[in-house]
């Protein structure tokens, strides 16, 4: 099984040095799709009411094969 790496950027880059064994690229994409909401559940916006998180999936050769982003935007409706 190929190993894929999931680098996270939520304002600071966190390199995945371990990676995850996935059956194929589709399985790696599914892993990335699950990863972002899990991270967002633990992260609060650091700069006011906005927070963006991205995951970059690379293969064993270090080639980027997929990227995904999740953005939180909040707005006060009262003054």
C-alpha atoms as a PDB file:
ATOM      1  CA  UNK A   1       0.000   0.000   0.000  1.00  0.00           C
ATOM      2  CA  UNK A   2       1.288   3.472  -0.795  1.00  0.00           C
ATOM      3  CA  UNK A   3       1.970   5.990   1.958  1.00  0.00           C
ATOM      4  CA  UNK A   4       0.514   9.501   1.742  1.00  0.00           C
ATOM      5  CA  UNK A   5       1.471  12.538   3.806  1.00  0.00           C
ATOM      6  CA  UNK A   6      -0.972  15.162   5.060  1.00  0.00           C
ATOM      7  CA  UNK A   7       0.599  18.568   5.727  1.00  0.00           C
ATOM      8  CA  UNK A   8      -1.694  20.915   7.639  1.00  0.00           C
ATOM      9  CA  UNK A   9      -1.629  24.701   7.499  1.00  0.00           C
ATOM     10  CA  UNK A  10      -3.854  26.563   9.946  1.00  0.00           C
ATOM     11  CA  UNK A  11      -1.734  29.676  10.132  1.00  0.00           C
ATOM     12  CA  UNK A  12       1.306  27.576  10.889  1.00  0.00           C
ATOM     13  CA  UNK A  13       2.608  24.726   8.773  1.00  0.00           C
ATOM     14  CA  UNK A  14       2.622  21.283  10.369  1.00  0.00           C
ATOM     15  CA  UNK A  15       4.520  18.766   8.258  1.00  0.00           C
ATOM     16  CA  UNK A  16       3.384  15.161   8.380  1.00  0.00           C
ATOM     17  CA  UNK A  17       6.566  13.137   8.813  1.00  0.00           C
ATOM     18  CA  UNK A  18       4.815   9.806   9.441  1.00  0.00           C
ATOM     19  CA  UNK A  19       2.164   9.578   6.748  1.00  0.00           C
ATOM     20  CA  UNK A  20      -0.689   7.116   6.437  1.00  0.00           C
ATOM     21  CA  UNK A  21      -0.908   3.930   4.411  1.00  0.00           C
ATOM     22  CA  UNK A  22      -3.863   4.190   2.033  1.00  0.00           C
ATOM     23  CA  UNK A  23      -5.151   1.679  -0.490  1.00  0.00           C
ATOM     24  CA  UNK A  24      -5.045   4.260  -3.278  1.00  0.00           C
ATOM     25  CA  UNK A  25      -5.342   7.967  -4.046  1.00  0.00           C
ATOM     26  CA  UNK A  26      -9.118   7.918  -3.539  1.00  0.00           C
ATOM     27  CA  UNK A  27      -8.612   6.595  -0.008  1.00  0.00           C
ATOM     28  CA  UNK A  28      -6.050   9.340   0.651  1.00  0.00           C
ATOM     29  CA  UNK A  29      -8.512  11.978  -0.570  1.00  0.00           C
ATOM     30  CA  UNK A  30     -11.178  10.587   1.755  1.00  0.00           C
ATOM     31  CA  UNK A  31      -8.676  10.751   4.624  1.00  0.00           C
ATOM     32  CA  UNK A  32      -7.996  14.431   3.833  1.00  0.00           C
ATOM     33  CA  UNK A  33     -11.732  15.170   3.731  1.00  0.00           C
ATOM     34  CA  UNK A  34     -12.147  13.635   7.187  1.00  0.00           C
ATOM     35  CA  UNK A  35      -9.064  15.343   8.580  1.00  0.00           C
ATOM     36  CA  UNK A  36     -10.064  18.974   8.011  1.00  0.00           C
ATOM     37  CA  UNK A  37     -13.359  18.929   9.966  1.00  0.00           C
ATOM     38  CA  UNK A  38     -11.660  17.024  12.797  1.00  0.00           C
ATOM     39  CA  UNK A  39      -8.987  19.719  13.046  1.00  0.00           C
ATOM     40  CA  UNK A  40     -11.577  22.503  12.789  1.00  0.00           C
ATOM     41  CA  UNK A  41     -13.479  21.043  15.733  1.00  0.00           C
ATOM     42  CA  UNK A  42     -10.443  21.684  17.945  1.00  0.00           C
ATOM     43  CA  UNK A  43      -9.323  25.011  16.474  1.00  0.00           C
ATOM     44  CA  UNK A  44     -10.753  28.411  17.315  1.00  0.00           C
ATOM     45  CA  UNK A  45     -10.231  31.355  14.988  1.00  0.00           C
ATOM     46  CA  UNK A  46      -6.933  32.940  15.975  1.00  0.00           C
ATOM     47  CA  UNK A  47      -7.497  36.265  14.255  1.00  0.00           C
ATOM     48  CA  UNK A  48     -10.942  37.619  15.012  1.00  0.00           C
ATOM     49  CA  UNK A  49     -13.699  35.783  13.192  1.00  0.00           C
ATOM     50  CA  UNK A  50     -11.755  34.161  10.369  1.00  0.00           C
ATOM     51  CA  UNK A  51      -9.795  30.947  10.164  1.00  0.00           C
ATOM     52  CA  UNK A  52      -8.634  28.986   7.137  1.00  0.00           C
ATOM     53  CA  UNK A  53      -7.191  25.489   7.244  1.00  0.00           C
ATOM     54  CA  UNK A  54      -5.672  23.581   4.366  1.00  0.00           C
ATOM     55  CA  UNK A  55      -4.362  20.087   3.907  1.00  0.00           C
ATOM     56  CA  UNK A  56      -1.824  19.218   1.236  1.00  0.00           C
ATOM     57  CA  UNK A  57      -1.571  15.534   0.381  1.00  0.00           C
ATOM     58  CA  UNK A  58       1.705  14.305  -1.066  1.00  0.00           C
ATOM     59  CA  UNK A  59       2.705  10.863  -2.231  1.00  0.00           C
ATOM     60  CA  UNK A  60       5.777   8.833  -1.286  1.00  0.00           C
ATOM     61  CA  UNK A  61       7.858  10.729  -3.852  1.00  0.00           C
ATOM     62  CA  UNK A  62       6.917  14.082  -2.315  1.00  0.00           C
ATOM     63  CA  UNK A  63       4.657  14.977  -5.256  1.00  0.00           C
ATOM     64  CA  UNK A  64       1.551  17.011  -4.358  1.00  0.00           C
ATOM     65  CA  UNK A  65      -1.517  15.000  -5.372  1.00  0.00           C
ATOM     66  CA  UNK A  66      -4.456  16.736  -3.640  1.00  0.00           C
ATOM     67  CA  UNK A  67      -5.276  19.821  -1.621  1.00  0.00           C
ATOM     68  CA  UNK A  68      -8.372  20.845   0.311  1.00  0.00           C
ATOM     69  CA  UNK A  69      -9.351  23.878   2.375  1.00  0.00           C
ATOM     70  CA  UNK A  70     -11.883  24.662   5.053  1.00  0.00           C
ATOM     71  CA  UNK A  71     -12.681  28.256   5.970  1.00  0.00           C
ATOM     72  CA  UNK A  72     -14.545  29.602   8.976  1.00  0.00           C
ATOM     73  CA  UNK A  73     -15.968  33.113   8.794  1.00  0.00           C
ATOM     74  CA  UNK A  74     -18.073  34.623  11.541  1.00  0.00           C
ATOM     75  CA  UNK A  75     -19.791  38.007  11.657  1.00  0.00           C
ATOM     76  CA  UNK A  76     -21.378  39.877  14.531  1.00  0.00           C
ATOM     77  CA  UNK A  77     -24.964  40.864  13.695  1.00  0.00           C
ATOM     78  CA  UNK A  78     -25.472  43.185  16.655  1.00  0.00           C
ATOM     79  CA  UNK A  79     -23.739  46.462  17.404  1.00  0.00           C
END
